[in-house]
Amino acid sequence: MIYNNAPLAFEVTSWTKTNIKTAIQFSTQDIDTARLIFSLTKDGVPLPLSAVTGKLVMFMADGSRFIKNVEIVDKVEGIAQHVLSPEEIRHYGDVQAELNLYYANKQSLSVHKFSFTIDKALIDTDIVPIAEYYIDDFEDLIVKVNELYDEAIATMEELRQKFSDLENIETKAGAQEKADAAETNTKAYTDLHANNKTIHITADDRTTWNAKETTLGSQDKADKALVDAKAYTDTHANRTDNPHAVTKEQIGLANVEDIKQASFTDFQAHNYNQVRHISADERKVWN
């Protein structure tokens, strides 16, 4: 077999998913020969492709879409390939593609987005491809049908909204009626507000409130009172006389006599006086 090979080396990384615009150019006459070869690496080493299904998603220039399983060529070295079918190769123009990997443990991985070109050969000048959708397996077909259904529902909802907007367009008579009602309501509210004596004050109220003590004035008086009280307290505390004429009886000292007490030295001299005192041995002999 002979092929028109287009090798692609993809490093699996999260740093960039920018669409790679390649210089690959196939022809509509590359029937069963246009081959994309993918060499996949991760962290600088080949990406193992065991227990994995690779899918190539292609959006053709004419609106056609294809989701095809790629062939795993070398599971150890991370090599896969896809040969464009006769149905795919006839959709000339720029092709937007993406390679995805689906693992048996339900994990999936987007490898990279890229683009290439299918040139219309001169012999195929009269070919007018019809937009088509091709999906490799039934599960993907269900997804695509649901996607088309969602697109149809979204379009119908958009149209419904537009007709709803037309129905809600205000007429000139209706707008004038609403404006008149709004003016009447505004005047009623204004009158109600103007006559509200709860939220408004009179000139007498203002004069009375202005004559009341201010926070600053109250603070000044409080500070002065504190200074005067401290001065009086200090004066009182420093008096050496008996300003309140407190008697000894009032504080429980009526029976206390002012007798001079012996000093510690005198007490010690008395305590160790062997003339006045006897020892334990003397007491025992005398007894």
C-alpha atoms as a PDB file:
ATOM      1  CA  MET A   1       0.000   0.000   0.000  1.00  0.00           C
ATOM      2  CA  ILE A   2       1.145   3.513  -0.766  1.00  0.00           C
ATOM      3  CA  TYR A   3       0.232   6.493   1.396  1.00  0.00           C
ATOM      4  CA  ASN A   4       0.551  10.252   1.363  1.00  0.00           C
ATOM      5  CA  ASN A   5       1.804  10.505   4.944  1.00  0.00           C
ATOM      6  CA  ALA A   6       1.383  13.517   7.195  1.00  0.00           C
ATOM      7  CA  PRO A   7       3.277  12.980  10.481  1.00  0.00           C
ATOM      8  CA  LEU A   8       2.180  14.936  13.563  1.00  0.00           C
ATOM      9  CA  ALA A   9       4.143  14.986  16.865  1.00  0.00           C
ATOM     10  CA  PHE A  10       1.976  16.013  19.856  1.00  0.00           C
ATOM     11  CA  GLU A  11       3.216  16.555  23.422  1.00  0.00           C
ATOM     12  CA  VAL A  12       0.395  16.002  25.926  1.00  0.00           C
ATOM     13  CA  THR A  13       0.506  18.985  28.304  1.00  0.00           C
ATOM     14  CA  SER A  14      -1.858  21.430  29.974  1.00  0.00           C
ATOM     15  CA  TRP A  15       0.333  24.427  29.225  1.00  0.00           C
ATOM     16  CA  THR A  16      -1.219  25.112  25.858  1.00  0.00           C
ATOM     17  CA  LYS A  17      -4.135  23.865  23.805  1.00  0.00           C
ATOM     18  CA  THR A  18      -3.655  26.388  21.005  1.00  0.00           C
ATOM     19  CA  ASN A  19      -4.894  25.198  17.629  1.00  0.00           C
ATOM     20  CA  ILE A  20      -1.886  24.124  15.534  1.00  0.00           C
ATOM     21  CA  LYS A  21      -2.207  25.217  11.903  1.00  0.00           C
ATOM     22  CA  THR A  22      -0.150  22.687  10.020  1.00  0.00           C
ATOM     23  CA  ALA A  23       1.201  22.850   6.472  1.00  0.00           C
ATOM     24  CA  ILE A  24      -0.485  19.528   5.633  1.00  0.00           C
ATOM     25  CA  GLN A  25      -2.329  19.634   2.311  1.00  0.00           C
ATOM     26  CA  PHE A  26      -4.135  16.633   0.896  1.00  0.00           C
ATOM     27  CA  SER A  27      -6.010  16.423  -2.407  1.00  0.00           C
ATOM     28  CA  THR A  28      -9.514  15.230  -3.113  1.00  0.00           C
ATOM     29  CA  GLN A  29      -7.788  12.590  -5.252  1.00  0.00           C
ATOM     30  CA  ASP A  30      -5.876  11.157  -2.247  1.00  0.00           C
ATOM     31  CA  ILE A  31      -8.449   8.398  -1.961  1.00  0.00           C
ATOM     32  CA  ASP A  32      -7.526   5.888   0.772  1.00  0.00           C
ATOM     33  CA  THR A  33      -3.979   7.309   0.761  1.00  0.00           C
ATOM     34  CA  ALA A  34      -4.232  10.473   2.893  1.00  0.00           C
ATOM     35  CA  ARG A  35      -2.813   9.268   6.206  1.00  0.00           C
ATOM     36  CA  LEU A  36      -2.379  11.227   9.431  1.00  0.00           C
ATOM     37  CA  ILE A  37       0.279   9.689  11.700  1.00  0.00           C
ATOM     38  CA  PHE A  38       0.273  10.768  15.355  1.00  0.00           C
ATOM     39  CA  SER A  39       3.357  10.423  17.581  1.00  0.00           C
ATOM     40  CA  LEU A  40       2.248  11.125  21.158  1.00  0.00           C
ATOM     41  CA  THR A  41       4.577  11.943  24.067  1.00  0.00           C
ATOM     42  CA  LYS A  42       4.140  13.076  27.645  1.00  0.00           C
ATOM     43  CA  ASP A  43       6.898  14.505  29.848  1.00  0.00           C
ATOM     44  CA  GLY A  44       9.359  13.826  27.051  1.00  0.00           C
ATOM     45  CA  VAL A  45       8.663  10.078  26.733  1.00  0.00           C
ATOM     46  CA  PRO A  46       6.230   8.103  24.517  1.00  0.00           C
ATOM     47  CA  LEU A  47       2.643   8.066  25.818  1.00  0.00           C
ATOM     48  CA  PRO A  48       1.440   4.452  26.318  1.00  0.00           C
ATOM     49  CA  LEU A  49      -1.771   3.721  24.423  1.00  0.00           C
ATOM     50  CA  SER A  50      -2.915   0.559  26.211  1.00  0.00           C
ATOM     51  CA  ALA A  51      -6.606   0.233  27.137  1.00  0.00           C
ATOM     52  CA  VAL A  52      -7.397   3.416  25.214  1.00  0.00           C
ATOM     53  CA  THR A  53      -9.594   4.366  22.272  1.00  0.00           C
ATOM     54  CA  GLY A  54      -8.512   7.287  20.147  1.00  0.00           C
ATOM     55  CA  LYS A  55     -11.115   9.406  18.361  1.00  0.00           C
ATOM     56  CA  LEU A  56     -10.444  11.978  15.675  1.00  0.00           C
ATOM     57  CA  VAL A  57     -13.037  14.755  15.416  1.00  0.00           C
ATOM     58  CA  MET A  58     -13.080  16.617  12.086  1.00  0.00           C
ATOM     59  CA  PHE A  59     -15.132  19.693  11.169  1.00  0.00           C
ATOM     60  CA  MET A  60     -15.039  20.182   7.409  1.00  0.00           C
ATOM     61  CA  ALA A  61     -15.198  23.548   5.657  1.00  0.00           C
ATOM     62  CA  ASP A  62     -18.684  22.818   4.278  1.00  0.00           C
ATOM     63  CA  GLY A  63     -20.157  22.090   7.729  1.00  0.00           C
ATOM     64  CA  SER A  64     -19.786  18.312   7.619  1.00  0.00           C
ATOM     65  CA  ARG A  65     -18.656  16.571  10.794  1.00  0.00           C
ATOM     66  CA  PHE A  66     -16.883  13.271  11.291  1.00  0.00           C
ATOM     67  CA  ILE A  67     -15.940  11.430  14.488  1.00  0.00           C
ATOM     68  CA  LYS A  68     -13.746   8.446  13.632  1.00  0.00           C
ATOM     69  CA  ASN A  69     -11.780   5.917  15.662  1.00  0.00           C
ATOM     70  CA  VAL A  70      -8.039   6.100  15.011  1.00  0.00           C
ATOM     71  CA  GLU A  71      -5.895   2.986  14.609  1.00  0.00           C
ATOM     72  CA  ILE A  72      -3.411   2.296  17.414  1.00  0.00           C
ATOM     73  CA  VAL A  73      -0.228   1.301  15.576  1.00  0.00           C
ATOM     74  CA  ASP A  74       2.210   1.003  18.501  1.00  0.00           C
ATOM     75  CA  LYS A  75       0.825   0.996  22.069  1.00  0.00           C
ATOM     76  CA  VAL A  76       4.278   1.245  23.659  1.00  0.00           C
ATOM     77  CA  GLU A  77       5.720   3.994  21.480  1.00  0.00           C
ATOM     78  CA  GLY A  78       2.457   5.981  21.396  1.00  0.00           C
ATOM     79  CA  ILE A  79       1.860   5.798  17.631  1.00  0.00           C
ATOM     80  CA  ALA A  80      -1.633   6.070  16.097  1.00  0.00           C
ATOM     81  CA  GLN A  81      -2.906   6.804  12.604  1.00  0.00           C
ATOM     82  CA  HIS A  82      -5.993   7.584  10.560  1.00  0.00           C
ATOM     83  CA  VAL A  83      -6.471   7.201   6.803  1.00  0.00           C
ATOM     84  CA  LEU A  84      -9.104   9.591   5.461  1.00  0.00           C
ATOM     85  CA  SER A  85     -11.976   7.699   3.855  1.00  0.00           C
ATOM     86  CA  PRO A  86     -13.303   8.519   0.365  1.00  0.00           C
ATOM     87  CA  GLU A  87     -16.268  10.241   2.027  1.00  0.00           C
ATOM     88  CA  GLU A  88     -13.985  12.448   4.148  1.00  0.00           C
ATOM     89  CA  ILE A  89     -11.431  13.365   1.480  1.00  0.00           C
ATOM     90  CA  ARG A  90     -14.019  14.841  -0.869  1.00  0.00           C
ATOM     91  CA  HIS A  91     -14.896  17.635   1.591  1.00  0.00           C
ATOM     92  CA  TYR A  92     -12.300  20.122   0.360  1.00  0.00           C
ATOM     93  CA  GLY A  93     -11.232  23.239   2.235  1.00  0.00           C
ATOM     94  CA  ASP A  94      -9.770  23.892   5.688  1.00  0.00           C
ATOM     95  CA  VAL A  95     -10.404  21.112   8.212  1.00  0.00           C
ATOM     96  CA  GLN A  96     -10.512  21.762  11.960  1.00  0.00           C
ATOM     97  CA  ALA A  97      -9.572  18.597  13.853  1.00  0.00           C
ATOM     98  CA  GLU A  98      -8.950  17.394  17.392  1.00  0.00           C
ATOM     99  CA  LEU A  99      -7.525  14.132  18.722  1.00  0.00           C
ATOM    100  CA  ASN A 100      -9.058  12.779  21.956  1.00  0.00           C
ATOM    101  CA  LEU A 101      -8.197   9.684  24.001  1.00  0.00           C
ATOM    102  CA  TYR A 102     -10.786   7.649  25.941  1.00  0.00           C
ATOM    103  CA  TYR A 103      -9.469   5.191  28.541  1.00  0.00           C
ATOM    104  CA  ALA A 104     -11.155   1.991  29.753  1.00  0.00           C
ATOM    105  CA  ASN A 105     -11.360   3.405  33.319  1.00  0.00           C
ATOM    106  CA  LYS A 106     -13.682   6.201  32.046  1.00  0.00           C
ATOM    107  CA  GLN A 107     -10.930   8.839  31.928  1.00  0.00           C
ATOM    108  CA  SER A 108     -10.563  10.964  28.820  1.00  0.00           C
ATOM    109  CA  LEU A 109      -7.840  13.249  27.499  1.00  0.00           C
ATOM    110  CA  SER A 110      -7.775  15.986  24.888  1.00  0.00           C
ATOM    111  CA  VAL A 111      -4.462  15.645  23.068  1.00  0.00           C
ATOM    112  CA  HIS A 112      -4.484  18.612  20.725  1.00  0.00           C
ATOM    113  CA  LYS A 113      -6.420  20.669  18.200  1.00  0.00           C
ATOM    114  CA  PHE A 114      -4.934  21.129  14.749  1.00  0.00           C
ATOM    115  CA  SER A 115      -5.973  22.030  11.195  1.00  0.00           C
ATOM    116  CA  PHE A 116      -5.052  20.924   7.715  1.00  0.00           C
ATOM    117  CA  THR A 117      -6.248  21.537   4.160  1.00  0.00           C
ATOM    118  CA  ILE A 118      -7.893  19.366   1.517  1.00  0.00           C
ATOM    119  CA  ASP A 119      -7.333  20.850  -1.917  1.00  0.00           C
ATOM    120  CA  LYS A 120      -9.885  20.256  -4.663  1.00  0.00           C
ATOM    121  CA  ALA A 121      -8.202  18.483  -7.580  1.00  0.00           C
ATOM    122  CA  LEU A 122      -8.893  19.802 -11.076  1.00  0.00           C
ATOM    123  CA  ILE A 123     -10.622  16.582 -12.041  1.00  0.00           C
ATOM    124  CA  ASP A 124     -13.047  17.128  -9.174  1.00  0.00           C
ATOM    125  CA  THR A 125     -14.020  20.664 -10.205  1.00  0.00           C
ATOM    126  CA  ASP A 126     -17.694  19.767 -10.530  1.00  0.00           C
ATOM    127  CA  ILE A 127     -17.918  18.009  -7.156  1.00  0.00           C
ATOM    128  CA  VAL A 128     -20.309  19.728  -4.773  1.00  0.00           C
ATOM    129  CA  PRO A 129     -20.112  17.802  -1.476  1.00  0.00           C
ATOM    130  CA  ILE A 130     -23.247  17.565   0.631  1.00  0.00           C
ATOM    131  CA  ALA A 131     -22.926  18.316   4.338  1.00  0.00           C
ATOM    132  CA  GLU A 132     -22.938  15.042   6.221  1.00  0.00           C
ATOM    133  CA  TYR A 133     -22.311  13.625   9.675  1.00  0.00           C
ATOM    134  CA  TYR A 134     -20.428  10.395  10.233  1.00  0.00           C
ATOM    135  CA  ILE A 135     -19.822   8.818  13.631  1.00  0.00           C
ATOM    136  CA  ASP A 136     -17.939   5.582  14.271  1.00  0.00           C
ATOM    137  CA  ASP A 137     -20.042   4.045  17.050  1.00  0.00           C
ATOM    138  CA  PHE A 138     -23.671   4.031  18.192  1.00  0.00           C
ATOM    139  CA  GLU A 139     -23.017   5.850  21.481  1.00  0.00           C
ATOM    140  CA  ASP A 140     -21.444   8.767  19.647  1.00  0.00           C
ATOM    141  CA  LEU A 141     -24.379   8.700  17.224  1.00  0.00           C
ATOM    142  CA  ILE A 142     -26.767   9.141  20.155  1.00  0.00           C
ATOM    143  CA  VAL A 143     -24.697  12.092  21.372  1.00  0.00           C
ATOM    144  CA  LYS A 144     -24.762  13.665  17.919  1.00  0.00           C
ATOM    145  CA  VAL A 145     -28.536  13.173  17.569  1.00  0.00           C
ATOM    146  CA  ASN A 146     -29.045  14.761  20.980  1.00  0.00           C
ATOM    147  CA  GLU A 147     -26.766  17.616  19.971  1.00  0.00           C
ATOM    148  CA  LEU A 148     -28.760  18.249  16.796  1.00  0.00           C
ATOM    149  CA  TYR A 149     -31.969  18.021  18.815  1.00  0.00           C
ATOM    150  CA  ASP A 150     -30.665  20.579  21.323  1.00  0.00           C
ATOM    151  CA  GLU A 151     -29.674  22.890  18.478  1.00  0.00           C
ATOM    152  CA  ALA A 152     -33.180  22.614  16.980  1.00  0.00           C
ATOM    153  CA  ILE A 153     -34.807  23.290  20.371  1.00  0.00           C
ATOM    154  CA  ALA A 154     -32.530  26.296  20.901  1.00  0.00           C
ATOM    155  CA  THR A 155     -33.468  27.682  17.476  1.00  0.00           C
ATOM    156  CA  MET A 156     -37.192  27.212  18.169  1.00  0.00           C
ATOM    157  CA  GLU A 157     -36.828  28.900  21.567  1.00  0.00           C
ATOM    158  CA  GLU A 158     -35.018  31.828  19.948  1.00  0.00           C
ATOM    159  CA  LEU A 159     -37.828  32.220  17.411  1.00  0.00           C
ATOM    160  CA  ARG A 160     -40.419  31.985  20.181  1.00  0.00           C
ATOM    161  CA  GLN A 161     -38.672  34.741  22.102  1.00  0.00           C
ATOM    162  CA  LYS A 162     -38.636  36.976  19.024  1.00  0.00           C
ATOM    163  CA  PHE A 163     -42.378  36.482  18.414  1.00  0.00           C
ATOM    164  CA  SER A 164     -42.986  37.067  22.116  1.00  0.00           C
ATOM    165  CA  ASP A 165     -41.106  40.350  21.873  1.00  0.00           C
ATOM    166  CA  LEU A 166     -43.307  41.375  18.949  1.00  0.00           C
ATOM    167  CA  GLU A 167     -46.426  40.623  20.986  1.00  0.00           C
ATOM    168  CA  ASN A 168     -45.130  42.721  23.866  1.00  0.00           C
ATOM    169  CA  ILE A 169     -44.427  45.825  21.787  1.00  0.00           C
ATOM    170  CA  GLU A 170     -46.234  48.767  23.408  1.00  0.00           C
ATOM    171  CA  THR A 171     -48.818  50.692  21.382  1.00  0.00           C
ATOM    172  CA  LYS A 172     -48.907  54.495  21.409  1.00  0.00           C
ATOM    173  CA  ALA A 173     -52.299  54.530  23.187  1.00  0.00           C
ATOM    174  CA  GLY A 174     -51.107  52.037  25.790  1.00  0.00           C
ATOM    175  CA  ALA A 175     -47.914  53.991  26.436  1.00  0.00           C
ATOM    176  CA  GLN A 176     -49.901  57.248  26.906  1.00  0.00           C
ATOM    177  CA  GLU A 177     -52.291  55.526  29.308  1.00  0.00           C
ATOM    178  CA  LYS A 178     -49.405  54.224  31.398  1.00  0.00           C
ATOM    179  CA  ALA A 179     -47.739  57.654  31.381  1.00  0.00           C
ATOM    180  CA  ASP A 180     -50.965  59.300  32.597  1.00  0.00           C
ATOM    181  CA  ALA A 181     -51.345  56.712  35.364  1.00  0.00           C
ATOM    182  CA  ALA A 182     -47.741  57.193  36.417  1.00  0.00           C
ATOM    183  CA  GLU A 183     -48.209  60.985  36.589  1.00  0.00           C
ATOM    184  CA  THR A 184     -51.331  60.587  38.778  1.00  0.00           C
ATOM    185  CA  ASN A 185     -49.554  58.198  41.108  1.00  0.00           C
ATOM    186  CA  THR A 186     -46.555  60.524  41.345  1.00  0.00           C
ATOM    187  CA  LYS A 187     -48.733  63.523  42.309  1.00  0.00           C
ATOM    188  CA  ALA A 188     -50.557  61.468  44.953  1.00  0.00           C
ATOM    189  CA  TYR A 189     -47.273  60.318  46.428  1.00  0.00           C
ATOM    190  CA  THR A 190     -45.881  63.865  46.393  1.00  0.00           C
ATOM    191  CA  ASP A 191     -48.913  65.192  48.259  1.00  0.00           C
ATOM    192  CA  LEU A 192     -48.748  62.374  50.775  1.00  0.00           C
ATOM    193  CA  HIS A 193     -45.072  63.045  51.371  1.00  0.00           C
ATOM    194  CA  ALA A 194     -45.500  66.801  51.730  1.00  0.00           C
ATOM    195  CA  ASN A 195     -48.173  66.366  54.430  1.00  0.00           C
ATOM    196  CA  ASN A 196     -46.266  63.762  56.429  1.00  0.00           C
ATOM    197  CA  LYS A 197     -45.580  65.427  59.807  1.00  0.00           C
ATOM    198  CA  THR A 198     -43.671  62.434  61.108  1.00  0.00           C
ATOM    199  CA  ILE A 199     -40.720  62.774  58.776  1.00  0.00           C
ATOM    200  CA  HIS A 200     -40.775  66.582  58.583  1.00  0.00           C
ATOM    201  CA  ILE A 201     -39.939  69.146  61.315  1.00  0.00           C
ATOM    202  CA  THR A 202     -41.219  72.646  61.995  1.00  0.00           C
ATOM    203  CA  ALA A 203     -39.231  75.848  62.533  1.00  0.00           C
ATOM    204  CA  ASP A 204     -40.090  75.669  66.272  1.00  0.00           C
ATOM    205  CA  ASP A 205     -38.757  72.085  66.416  1.00  0.00           C
ATOM    206  CA  ARG A 206     -35.508  73.214  64.831  1.00  0.00           C
ATOM    207  CA  THR A 207     -35.112  76.158  67.257  1.00  0.00           C
ATOM    208  CA  THR A 208     -35.766  73.913  70.281  1.00  0.00           C
ATOM    209  CA  TRP A 209     -33.307  71.266  69.139  1.00  0.00           C
ATOM    210  CA  ASN A 210     -30.618  73.829  68.333  1.00  0.00           C
ATOM    211  CA  ALA A 211     -30.873  75.183  71.928  1.00  0.00           C
ATOM    212  CA  LYS A 212     -30.137  71.754  73.413  1.00  0.00           C
ATOM    213  CA  GLU A 213     -26.734  70.745  74.686  1.00  0.00           C
ATOM    214  CA  THR A 214     -24.290  69.558  72.015  1.00  0.00           C
ATOM    215  CA  THR A 215     -22.071  66.546  72.352  1.00  0.00           C
ATOM    216  CA  LEU A 216     -18.981  68.791  72.354  1.00  0.00           C
ATOM    217  CA  GLY A 217     -20.417  71.030  75.076  1.00  0.00           C
ATOM    218  CA  SER A 218     -21.343  68.046  77.226  1.00  0.00           C
ATOM    219  CA  GLN A 219     -17.851  66.628  76.868  1.00  0.00           C
ATOM    220  CA  ASP A 220     -16.253  69.946  77.902  1.00  0.00           C
ATOM    221  CA  LYS A 221     -18.414  70.100  81.023  1.00  0.00           C
ATOM    222  CA  ALA A 222     -17.666  66.476  81.869  1.00  0.00           C
ATOM    223  CA  ASP A 223     -13.919  67.071  81.484  1.00  0.00           C
ATOM    224  CA  LYS A 224     -14.077  70.155  83.746  1.00  0.00           C
ATOM    225  CA  ALA A 225     -16.088  68.282  86.368  1.00  0.00           C
ATOM    226  CA  LEU A 226     -13.538  65.468  86.311  1.00  0.00           C
ATOM    227  CA  VAL A 227     -10.660  67.933  86.854  1.00  0.00           C
ATOM    228  CA  ASP A 228     -12.504  69.659  89.749  1.00  0.00           C
ATOM    229  CA  ALA A 229     -13.329  66.306  91.379  1.00  0.00           C
ATOM    230  CA  LYS A 230      -9.697  65.167  91.145  1.00  0.00           C
ATOM    231  CA  ALA A 231      -8.433  68.412  92.664  1.00  0.00           C
ATOM    232  CA  TYR A 232     -10.913  68.130  95.545  1.00  0.00           C
ATOM    233  CA  THR A 233      -9.993  64.468  96.132  1.00  0.00           C
ATOM    234  CA  ASP A 234      -6.262  65.259  96.141  1.00  0.00           C
ATOM    235  CA  THR A 235      -6.790  68.108  98.611  1.00  0.00           C
ATOM    236  CA  HIS A 236      -8.870  65.932 100.878  1.00  0.00           C
ATOM    237  CA  ALA A 237      -6.422  63.014 100.740  1.00  0.00           C
ATOM    238  CA  ASN A 238      -3.497  65.258 101.698  1.00  0.00           C
ATOM    239  CA  ARG A 239      -5.091  66.742 104.837  1.00  0.00           C
ATOM    240  CA  THR A 240      -3.304  65.835 108.093  1.00  0.00           C
ATOM    241  CA  ASP A 241      -6.016  67.017 110.507  1.00  0.00           C
ATOM    242  CA  ASN A 242      -9.295  65.348 111.342  1.00  0.00           C
ATOM    243  CA  PRO A 243     -11.725  67.201 109.014  1.00  0.00           C
ATOM    244  CA  HIS A 244     -14.710  65.042 109.958  1.00  0.00           C
ATOM    245  CA  ALA A 245     -14.012  65.037 113.767  1.00  0.00           C
ATOM    246  CA  VAL A 246     -13.948  61.249 113.977  1.00  0.00           C
ATOM    247  CA  THR A 247     -13.717  60.032 117.617  1.00  0.00           C
ATOM    248  CA  LYS A 248     -11.869  56.993 119.007  1.00  0.00           C
ATOM    249  CA  GLU A 249     -15.194  55.500 120.071  1.00  0.00           C
ATOM    250  CA  GLN A 250     -16.472  55.660 116.477  1.00  0.00           C
ATOM    251  CA  ILE A 251     -13.596  53.544 115.184  1.00  0.00           C
ATOM    252  CA  GLY A 252     -13.353  51.121 118.205  1.00  0.00           C
ATOM    253  CA  LEU A 253     -10.297  52.604 119.923  1.00  0.00           C
ATOM    254  CA  ALA A 254     -11.970  53.848 123.135  1.00  0.00           C
ATOM    255  CA  ASN A 255     -10.124  51.367 125.386  1.00  0.00           C
ATOM    256  CA  VAL A 256      -6.736  51.692 123.757  1.00  0.00           C
ATOM    257  CA  GLU A 257      -4.109  53.390 125.931  1.00  0.00           C
ATOM    258  CA  ASP A 258      -1.205  55.269 124.496  1.00  0.00           C
ATOM    259  CA  ILE A 259       1.550  53.240 126.152  1.00  0.00           C
ATOM    260  CA  LYS A 260       5.017  53.183 124.719  1.00  0.00           C
ATOM    261  CA  GLN A 261       6.062  49.737 123.544  1.00  0.00           C
ATOM    262  CA  ALA A 262       9.498  48.220 124.105  1.00  0.00           C
ATOM    263  CA  SER A 263      11.872  48.177 121.181  1.00  0.00           C
ATOM    264  CA  PHE A 264      13.019  44.914 119.605  1.00  0.00           C
ATOM    265  CA  THR A 265      16.452  45.331 121.174  1.00  0.00           C
ATOM    266  CA  ASP A 266      14.923  45.733 124.645  1.00  0.00           C
ATOM    267  CA  PHE A 267      12.745  42.694 124.044  1.00  0.00           C
ATOM    268  CA  GLN A 268      15.751  40.602 123.038  1.00  0.00           C
ATOM    269  CA  ALA A 269      17.686  41.711 126.123  1.00  0.00           C
ATOM    270  CA  HIS A 270      14.793  40.685 128.325  1.00  0.00           C
ATOM    271  CA  ASN A 271      14.288  37.382 126.533  1.00  0.00           C
ATOM    272  CA  TYR A 272      17.834  36.211 127.121  1.00  0.00           C
ATOM    273  CA  ASN A 273      18.177  37.502 130.692  1.00  0.00           C
ATOM    274  CA  GLN A 274      19.332  34.437 132.751  1.00  0.00           C
ATOM    275  CA  VAL A 275      18.921  36.260 136.030  1.00  0.00           C
ATOM    276  CA  ARG A 276      15.234  36.916 135.646  1.00  0.00           C
ATOM    277  CA  HIS A 277      14.575  33.590 133.927  1.00  0.00           C
ATOM    278  CA  ILE A 278      15.289  29.985 134.981  1.00  0.00           C
ATOM    279  CA  SER A 279      16.347  27.093 132.790  1.00  0.00           C
ATOM    280  CA  ALA A 280      14.639  23.698 132.423  1.00  0.00           C
ATOM    281  CA  ASP A 281      17.416  22.006 134.396  1.00  0.00           C
ATOM    282  CA  GLU A 282      17.041  24.467 137.281  1.00  0.00           C
ATOM    283  CA  ARG A 283      13.296  23.891 137.357  1.00  0.00           C
ATOM    284  CA  LYS A 284      13.852  20.099 137.481  1.00  0.00           C
ATOM    285  CA  VAL A 285      16.361  20.329 140.379  1.00  0.00           C
ATOM    286  CA  TRP A 286      14.153  22.656 142.356  1.00  0.00           C
ATOM    287  CA  ASN A 287      11.124  20.461 141.823  1.00  0.00           C
END
